[in-house]
Amino acid sequence: MAAAAGGPARAYQDFLLQLAVLARNDTNLGLTHGDYLLSNMNITADGPVTVYDFDECAYGWSLLDIAVYLYYFT
């Protein structure tokens, strides 16, 4: 999203308008972990990934977990 004329307050309002038009359905909304970081996972070579630490768990946009990961690792 390009920087909006009018500064951060205007950019935030534009962002809220973009969110308002997104479909609210089972594909876009669901249970999110909210803190999906490597420090909250147990990864083994021969087994499944175990995720723990659900204190940030909530119902919301499914992309939240990807956004949190990108925030911390990019």
PDB file of N, CA and C in Angstrom:
ATOM      1  N   MET A   1       0.851  -1.171   0.000  1.00  0.00           N
ATOM      2  CA  MET A   1       0.000   0.000   0.000  1.00  0.00           C
ATOM      3  C   MET A   1       0.895   1.232   0.000  1.00  0.00           C
ATOM      4  N   ALA A   2       0.672   2.126  -0.905  1.00  0.00           N
ATOM      5  CA  ALA A   2       1.450   3.353  -1.008  1.00  0.00           C
ATOM      6  C   ALA A   2       1.101   4.286   0.145  1.00  0.00           C
ATOM      7  N   ALA A   3       2.059   5.134   0.497  1.00  0.00           N
ATOM      8  CA  ALA A   3       1.816   6.103   1.558  1.00  0.00           C
ATOM      9  C   ALA A   3       0.690   7.040   1.146  1.00  0.00           C
ATOM     10  N   ALA A   4      -0.243   7.222   2.022  1.00  0.00           N
ATOM     11  CA  ALA A   4      -1.404   8.058   1.717  1.00  0.00           C
ATOM     12  C   ALA A   4      -1.101   9.510   2.037  1.00  0.00           C
ATOM     13  N   ALA A   5      -1.632  10.407   1.202  1.00  0.00           N
ATOM     14  CA  ALA A   5      -1.520  11.830   1.503  1.00  0.00           C
ATOM     15  C   ALA A   5      -2.321  12.082   2.772  1.00  0.00           C
ATOM     16  N   GLY A   6      -1.774  12.842   3.681  1.00  0.00           N
ATOM     17  CA  GLY A   6      -2.479  13.108   4.924  1.00  0.00           C
ATOM     18  C   GLY A   6      -1.850  12.412   6.113  1.00  0.00           C
ATOM     19  N   GLY A   7      -0.784  11.671   5.889  1.00  0.00           N
ATOM     20  CA  GLY A   7      -0.035  11.086   6.986  1.00  0.00           C
ATOM     21  C   GLY A   7      -0.584   9.770   7.507  1.00  0.00           C
ATOM     22  N   PRO A   8      -0.059   9.349   8.662  1.00  0.00           N
ATOM     23  CA  PRO A   8      -0.413   8.050   9.228  1.00  0.00           C
ATOM     24  C   PRO A   8      -1.898   7.894   9.554  1.00  0.00           C
ATOM     25  N   ALA A   9      -2.534   8.945  10.023  1.00  0.00           N
ATOM     26  CA  ALA A   9      -3.957   8.841  10.365  1.00  0.00           C
ATOM     27  C   ALA A   9      -4.784   8.530   9.126  1.00  0.00           C
ATOM     28  N   ARG A  10      -4.458   9.175   8.026  1.00  0.00           N
ATOM     29  CA  ARG A  10      -5.173   8.921   6.771  1.00  0.00           C
ATOM     30  C   ARG A  10      -4.873   7.513   6.257  1.00  0.00           C
ATOM     31  N   ALA A  11      -3.618   7.082   6.357  1.00  0.00           N
ATOM     32  CA  ALA A  11      -3.242   5.734   5.919  1.00  0.00           C
ATOM     33  C   ALA A  11      -4.001   4.688   6.725  1.00  0.00           C
ATOM     34  N   TYR A  12      -4.151   4.928   8.021  1.00  0.00           N
ATOM     35  CA  TYR A  12      -4.892   3.998   8.876  1.00  0.00           C
ATOM     36  C   TYR A  12      -6.364   3.935   8.467  1.00  0.00           C
ATOM     37  N   GLN A  13      -6.961   5.080   8.191  1.00  0.00           N
ATOM     38  CA  GLN A  13      -8.359   5.109   7.756  1.00  0.00           C
ATOM     39  C   GLN A  13      -8.532   4.385   6.417  1.00  0.00           C
ATOM     40  N   ASP A  14      -7.594   4.578   5.500  1.00  0.00           N
ATOM     41  CA  ASP A  14      -7.640   3.875   4.217  1.00  0.00           C
ATOM     42  C   ASP A  14      -7.536   2.365   4.420  1.00  0.00           C
ATOM     43  N   PHE A  15      -6.675   1.956   5.339  1.00  0.00           N
ATOM     44  CA  PHE A  15      -6.510   0.540   5.654  1.00  0.00           C
ATOM     45  C   PHE A  15      -7.808  -0.050   6.202  1.00  0.00           C
ATOM     46  N   LEU A  16      -8.472   0.669   7.100  1.00  0.00           N
ATOM     47  CA  LEU A  16      -9.739   0.192   7.657  1.00  0.00           C
ATOM     48  C   LEU A  16     -10.803   0.051   6.570  1.00  0.00           C
ATOM     49  N   LEU A  17     -10.816   0.965   5.617  1.00  0.00           N
ATOM     50  CA  LEU A  17     -11.771   0.867   4.507  1.00  0.00           C
ATOM     51  C   LEU A  17     -11.493  -0.369   3.655  1.00  0.00           C
ATOM     52  N   GLN A  18     -10.222  -0.674   3.435  1.00  0.00           N
ATOM     53  CA  GLN A  18      -9.868  -1.866   2.667  1.00  0.00           C
ATOM     54  C   GLN A  18     -10.282  -3.136   3.412  1.00  0.00           C
ATOM     55  N   LEU A  19     -10.116  -3.161   4.721  1.00  0.00           N
ATOM     56  CA  LEU A  19     -10.538  -4.318   5.511  1.00  0.00           C
ATOM     57  C   LEU A  19     -12.050  -4.497   5.469  1.00  0.00           C
ATOM     58  N   ALA A  20     -12.772  -3.396   5.451  1.00  0.00           N
ATOM     59  CA  ALA A  20     -14.231  -3.455   5.497  1.00  0.00           C
ATOM     60  C   ALA A  20     -14.833  -4.166   4.290  1.00  0.00           C
ATOM     61  N   VAL A  21     -14.148  -4.143   3.155  1.00  0.00           N
ATOM     62  CA  VAL A  21     -14.709  -4.767   1.956  1.00  0.00           C
ATOM     63  C   VAL A  21     -14.300  -6.231   1.793  1.00  0.00           C
ATOM     64  N   LEU A  22     -13.413  -6.722   2.650  1.00  0.00           N
ATOM     65  CA  LEU A  22     -13.015  -8.127   2.562  1.00  0.00           C
ATOM     66  C   LEU A  22     -14.155  -9.029   3.020  1.00  0.00           C
ATOM     67  N   ALA A  23     -14.281 -10.163   2.357  1.00  0.00           N
ATOM     68  CA  ALA A  23     -15.325 -11.123   2.716  1.00  0.00           C
ATOM     69  C   ALA A  23     -15.044 -11.706   4.096  1.00  0.00           C
ATOM     70  N   ARG A  24     -16.072 -11.776   4.900  1.00  0.00           N
ATOM     71  CA  ARG A  24     -15.958 -12.399   6.224  1.00  0.00           C
ATOM     72  C   ARG A  24     -16.619 -13.767   6.137  1.00  0.00           C
ATOM     73  N   ASN A  25     -15.790 -14.787   5.887  1.00  0.00           N
ATOM     74  CA  ASN A  25     -16.304 -16.143   5.744  1.00  0.00           C
ATOM     75  C   ASN A  25     -15.316 -17.127   6.364  1.00  0.00           C
ATOM     76  N   ASP A  26     -15.631 -18.409   6.285  1.00  0.00           N
ATOM     77  CA  ASP A  26     -14.789 -19.432   6.908  1.00  0.00           C
ATOM     78  C   ASP A  26     -13.410 -19.542   6.264  1.00  0.00           C
ATOM     79  N   THR A  27     -13.250 -19.040   5.058  1.00  0.00           N
ATOM     80  CA  THR A  27     -11.945 -19.063   4.404  1.00  0.00           C
ATOM     81  C   THR A  27     -11.039 -17.974   4.961  1.00  0.00           C
ATOM     82  N   ASN A  28     -11.578 -16.809   5.227  1.00  0.00           N
ATOM     83  CA  ASN A  28     -10.784 -15.659   5.659  1.00  0.00           C
ATOM     84  C   ASN A  28     -10.691 -15.505   7.173  1.00  0.00           C
ATOM     85  N   LEU A  29     -11.651 -16.042   7.896  1.00  0.00           N
ATOM     86  CA  LEU A  29     -11.685 -15.893   9.351  1.00  0.00           C
ATOM     87  C   LEU A  29     -11.616 -17.257  10.014  1.00  0.00           C
ATOM     88  N   GLY A  30     -10.989 -17.300  11.171  1.00  0.00           N
ATOM     89  CA  GLY A  30     -10.910 -18.554  11.904  1.00  0.00           C
ATOM     90  C   GLY A  30     -10.060 -18.400  13.148  1.00  0.00           C
ATOM     91  N   LEU A  31      -9.756 -19.515  13.771  1.00  0.00           N
ATOM     92  CA  LEU A  31      -8.926 -19.524  14.966  1.00  0.00           C
ATOM     93  C   LEU A  31      -7.475 -19.276  14.571  1.00  0.00           C
ATOM     94  N   THR A  32      -6.854 -18.303  15.188  1.00  0.00           N
ATOM     95  CA  THR A  32      -5.459 -17.977  14.901  1.00  0.00           C
ATOM     96  C   THR A  32      -4.613 -18.206  16.143  1.00  0.00           C
ATOM     97  N   HIS A  33      -3.359 -18.520  15.923  1.00  0.00           N
ATOM     98  CA  HIS A  33      -2.423 -18.736  17.027  1.00  0.00           C
ATOM     99  C   HIS A  33      -1.974 -17.397  17.594  1.00  0.00           C
ATOM    100  N   GLY A  34      -1.662 -16.443  16.719  1.00  0.00           N
ATOM    101  CA  GLY A  34      -1.308 -15.095  17.135  1.00  0.00           C
ATOM    102  C   GLY A  34       0.138 -14.887  17.537  1.00  0.00           C
ATOM    103  N   ASP A  35       0.890 -15.953  17.702  1.00  0.00           N
ATOM    104  CA  ASP A  35       2.279 -15.855  18.156  1.00  0.00           C
ATOM    105  C   ASP A  35       3.064 -17.008  17.534  1.00  0.00           C
ATOM    106  N   TYR A  36       2.877 -17.181  16.239  1.00  0.00           N
ATOM    107  CA  TYR A  36       3.384 -18.342  15.506  1.00  0.00           C
ATOM    108  C   TYR A  36       4.857 -18.150  15.178  1.00  0.00           C
ATOM    109  N   LEU A  37       5.700 -18.306  16.184  1.00  0.00           N
ATOM    110  CA  LEU A  37       7.136 -18.118  16.040  1.00  0.00           C
ATOM    111  C   LEU A  37       7.858 -19.439  16.270  1.00  0.00           C
ATOM    112  N   LEU A  38       9.074 -19.538  15.787  1.00  0.00           N
ATOM    113  CA  LEU A  38       9.845 -20.770  15.964  1.00  0.00           C
ATOM    114  C   LEU A  38      10.042 -21.109  17.436  1.00  0.00           C
ATOM    115  N   SER A  39      10.087 -20.105  18.290  1.00  0.00           N
ATOM    116  CA  SER A  39      10.260 -20.359  19.722  1.00  0.00           C
ATOM    117  C   SER A  39       9.026 -21.005  20.349  1.00  0.00           C
ATOM    118  N   ASN A  40       7.909 -21.037  19.619  1.00  0.00           N
ATOM    119  CA  ASN A  40       6.681 -21.668  20.108  1.00  0.00           C
ATOM    120  C   ASN A  40       6.378 -22.966  19.370  1.00  0.00           C
ATOM    121  N   MET A  41       7.423 -23.574  18.797  1.00  0.00           N
ATOM    122  CA  MET A  41       7.253 -24.820  18.047  1.00  0.00           C
ATOM    123  C   MET A  41       8.319 -25.822  18.453  1.00  0.00           C
ATOM    124  N   ASN A  42       7.957 -27.088  18.350  1.00  0.00           N
ATOM    125  CA  ASN A  42       8.922 -28.164  18.488  1.00  0.00           C
ATOM    126  C   ASN A  42       8.960 -28.878  17.141  1.00  0.00           C
ATOM    127  N   ILE A  43      10.110 -28.829  16.481  1.00  0.00           N
ATOM    128  CA  ILE A  43      10.259 -29.410  15.151  1.00  0.00           C
ATOM    129  C   ILE A  43      11.272 -30.542  15.235  1.00  0.00           C
ATOM    130  N   THR A  44      10.844 -31.737  14.836  1.00  0.00           N
ATOM    131  CA  THR A  44      11.750 -32.884  14.818  1.00  0.00           C
ATOM    132  C   THR A  44      11.898 -33.383  13.389  1.00  0.00           C
ATOM    133  N   ALA A  45      12.983 -34.078  13.122  1.00  0.00           N
ATOM    134  CA  ALA A  45      13.255 -34.561  11.768  1.00  0.00           C
ATOM    135  C   ALA A  45      12.295 -35.660  11.336  1.00  0.00           C
ATOM    136  N   ASP A  46      11.794 -36.446  12.274  1.00  0.00           N
ATOM    137  CA  ASP A  46      10.986 -37.606  11.898  1.00  0.00           C
ATOM    138  C   ASP A  46       9.540 -37.550  12.394  1.00  0.00           C
ATOM    139  N   GLY A  47       9.089 -36.399  12.840  1.00  0.00           N
ATOM    140  CA  GLY A  47       7.730 -36.326  13.364  1.00  0.00           C
ATOM    141  C   GLY A  47       7.036 -35.039  12.984  1.00  0.00           C
ATOM    142  N   PRO A  48       5.825 -34.883  13.470  1.00  0.00           N
ATOM    143  CA  PRO A  48       5.072 -33.664  13.146  1.00  0.00           C
ATOM    144  C   PRO A  48       5.610 -32.453  13.902  1.00  0.00           C
ATOM    145  N   VAL A  49       5.248 -31.290  13.424  1.00  0.00           N
ATOM    146  CA  VAL A  49       5.571 -30.043  14.119  1.00  0.00           C
ATOM    147  C   VAL A  49       4.545 -29.871  15.235  1.00  0.00           C
ATOM    148  N   THR A  50       5.023 -29.600  16.436  1.00  0.00           N
ATOM    149  CA  THR A  50       4.139 -29.348  17.568  1.00  0.00           C
ATOM    150  C   THR A  50       4.186 -27.860  17.884  1.00  0.00           C
ATOM    151  N   VAL A  51       3.021 -27.235  17.915  1.00  0.00           N
ATOM    152  CA  VAL A  51       2.919 -25.806  18.221  1.00  0.00           C
ATOM    153  C   VAL A  51       2.294 -25.666  19.601  1.00  0.00           C
ATOM    154  N   TYR A  52       2.837 -24.769  20.416  1.00  0.00           N
ATOM    155  CA  TYR A  52       2.311 -24.541  21.756  1.00  0.00           C
ATOM    156  C   TYR A  52       2.329 -23.052  22.068  1.00  0.00           C
ATOM    157  N   ASP A  53       1.985 -22.680  23.277  1.00  0.00           N
ATOM    158  CA  ASP A  53       1.909 -21.290  23.733  1.00  0.00           C
ATOM    159  C   ASP A  53       0.747 -20.572  23.049  1.00  0.00           C
ATOM    160  N   PHE A  54      -0.453 -20.838  23.511  1.00  0.00           N
ATOM    161  CA  PHE A  54      -1.662 -20.303  22.888  1.00  0.00           C
ATOM    162  C   PHE A  54      -2.237 -19.090  23.621  1.00  0.00           C
ATOM    163  N   ASP A  55      -1.403 -18.334  24.326  1.00  0.00           N
ATOM    164  CA  ASP A  55      -1.929 -17.188  25.068  1.00  0.00           C
ATOM    165  C   ASP A  55      -2.386 -16.045  24.161  1.00  0.00           C
ATOM    166  N   GLU A  56      -1.965 -16.021  22.904  1.00  0.00           N
ATOM    167  CA  GLU A  56      -2.406 -14.995  21.948  1.00  0.00           C
ATOM    168  C   GLU A  56      -3.489 -15.519  21.005  1.00  0.00           C
ATOM    169  N   CYS A  57      -3.969 -16.717  21.252  1.00  0.00           N
ATOM    170  CA  CYS A  57      -4.957 -17.360  20.388  1.00  0.00           C
ATOM    171  C   CYS A  57      -6.261 -16.554  20.378  1.00  0.00           C
ATOM    172  N   ALA A  58      -6.844 -16.400  19.179  1.00  0.00           N
ATOM    173  CA  ALA A  58      -8.081 -15.628  19.051  1.00  0.00           C
ATOM    174  C   ALA A  58      -8.777 -15.984  17.741  1.00  0.00           C
ATOM    175  N   TYR A  59     -10.008 -15.565  17.617  1.00  0.00           N
ATOM    176  CA  TYR A  59     -10.745 -15.694  16.368  1.00  0.00           C
ATOM    177  C   TYR A  59     -10.508 -14.423  15.573  1.00  0.00           C
ATOM    178  N   GLY A  60     -10.059 -14.569  14.327  1.00  0.00           N
ATOM    179  CA  GLY A  60      -9.794 -13.382  13.526  1.00  0.00           C
ATOM    180  C   GLY A  60      -9.377 -13.739  12.117  1.00  0.00           C
ATOM    181  N   TRP A  61      -8.721 -12.798  11.459  1.00  0.00           N
ATOM    182  CA  TRP A  61      -8.279 -12.992  10.081  1.00  0.00           C
ATOM    183  C   TRP A  61      -7.233 -14.096  10.021  1.00  0.00           C
ATOM    184  N   SER A  62      -7.417 -15.042   9.122  1.00  0.00           N
ATOM    185  CA  SER A  62      -6.511 -16.183   8.988  1.00  0.00           C
ATOM    186  C   SER A  62      -5.088 -15.760   8.630  1.00  0.00           C
ATOM    187  N   LEU A  63      -4.938 -14.664   7.943  1.00  0.00           N
ATOM    188  CA  LEU A  63      -3.607 -14.197   7.553  1.00  0.00           C
ATOM    189  C   LEU A  63      -2.807 -13.613   8.712  1.00  0.00           C
ATOM    190  N   LEU A  64      -3.425 -13.487   9.877  1.00  0.00           N
ATOM    191  CA  LEU A  64      -2.715 -12.918  11.018  1.00  0.00           C
ATOM    192  C   LEU A  64      -1.443 -13.692  11.331  1.00  0.00           C
ATOM    193  N   ASP A  65      -1.511 -15.016  11.322  1.00  0.00           N
ATOM    194  CA  ASP A  65      -0.329 -15.804  11.662  1.00  0.00           C
ATOM    195  C   ASP A  65       0.804 -15.585  10.663  1.00  0.00           C
ATOM    196  N   ILE A  66       0.476 -15.427   9.396  1.00  0.00           N
ATOM    197  CA  ILE A  66       1.509 -15.143   8.396  1.00  0.00           C
ATOM    198  C   ILE A  66       2.073 -13.743   8.618  1.00  0.00           C
ATOM    199  N   ALA A  67       1.208 -12.790   8.909  1.00  0.00           N
ATOM    200  CA  ALA A  67       1.656 -11.412   9.137  1.00  0.00           C
ATOM    201  C   ALA A  67       2.582 -11.323  10.347  1.00  0.00           C
ATOM    202  N   VAL A  68       2.260 -12.020  11.425  1.00  0.00           N
ATOM    203  CA  VAL A  68       3.112 -12.008  12.617  1.00  0.00           C
ATOM    204  C   VAL A  68       4.477 -12.593  12.287  1.00  0.00           C
ATOM    205  N   TYR A  69       4.489 -13.712  11.579  1.00  0.00           N
ATOM    206  CA  TYR A  69       5.751 -14.337  11.193  1.00  0.00           C
ATOM    207  C   TYR A  69       6.588 -13.379  10.335  1.00  0.00           C
ATOM    208  N   LEU A  70       5.967 -12.762   9.337  1.00  0.00           N
ATOM    209  CA  LEU A  70       6.691 -11.837   8.462  1.00  0.00           C
ATOM    210  C   LEU A  70       7.202 -10.621   9.225  1.00  0.00           C
ATOM    211  N   TYR A  71       6.439 -10.156  10.184  1.00  0.00           N
ATOM    212  CA  TYR A  71       6.857  -9.008  10.987  1.00  0.00           C
ATOM    213  C   TYR A  71       8.164  -9.306  11.723  1.00  0.00           C
ATOM    214  N   TYR A  72       8.263 -10.486  12.300  1.00  0.00           N
ATOM    215  CA  TYR A  72       9.441 -10.829  13.091  1.00  0.00           C
ATOM    216  C   TYR A  72      10.622 -11.324  12.263  1.00  0.00           C
ATOM    217  N   PHE A  73      10.376 -11.863  11.068  1.00  0.00           N
ATOM    218  CA  PHE A  73      11.459 -12.518  10.332  1.00  0.00           C
ATOM    219  C   PHE A  73      11.790 -11.900   8.987  1.00  0.00           C
ATOM    220  N   THR A  74      11.260 -10.729   8.686  1.00  0.00           N
ATOM    221  CA  THR A  74      11.651 -10.069   7.433  1.00  0.00           C
ATOM    222  C   THR A  74      12.129  -8.665   7.708  1.00  0.00           C
TER     223      THR A  74
END
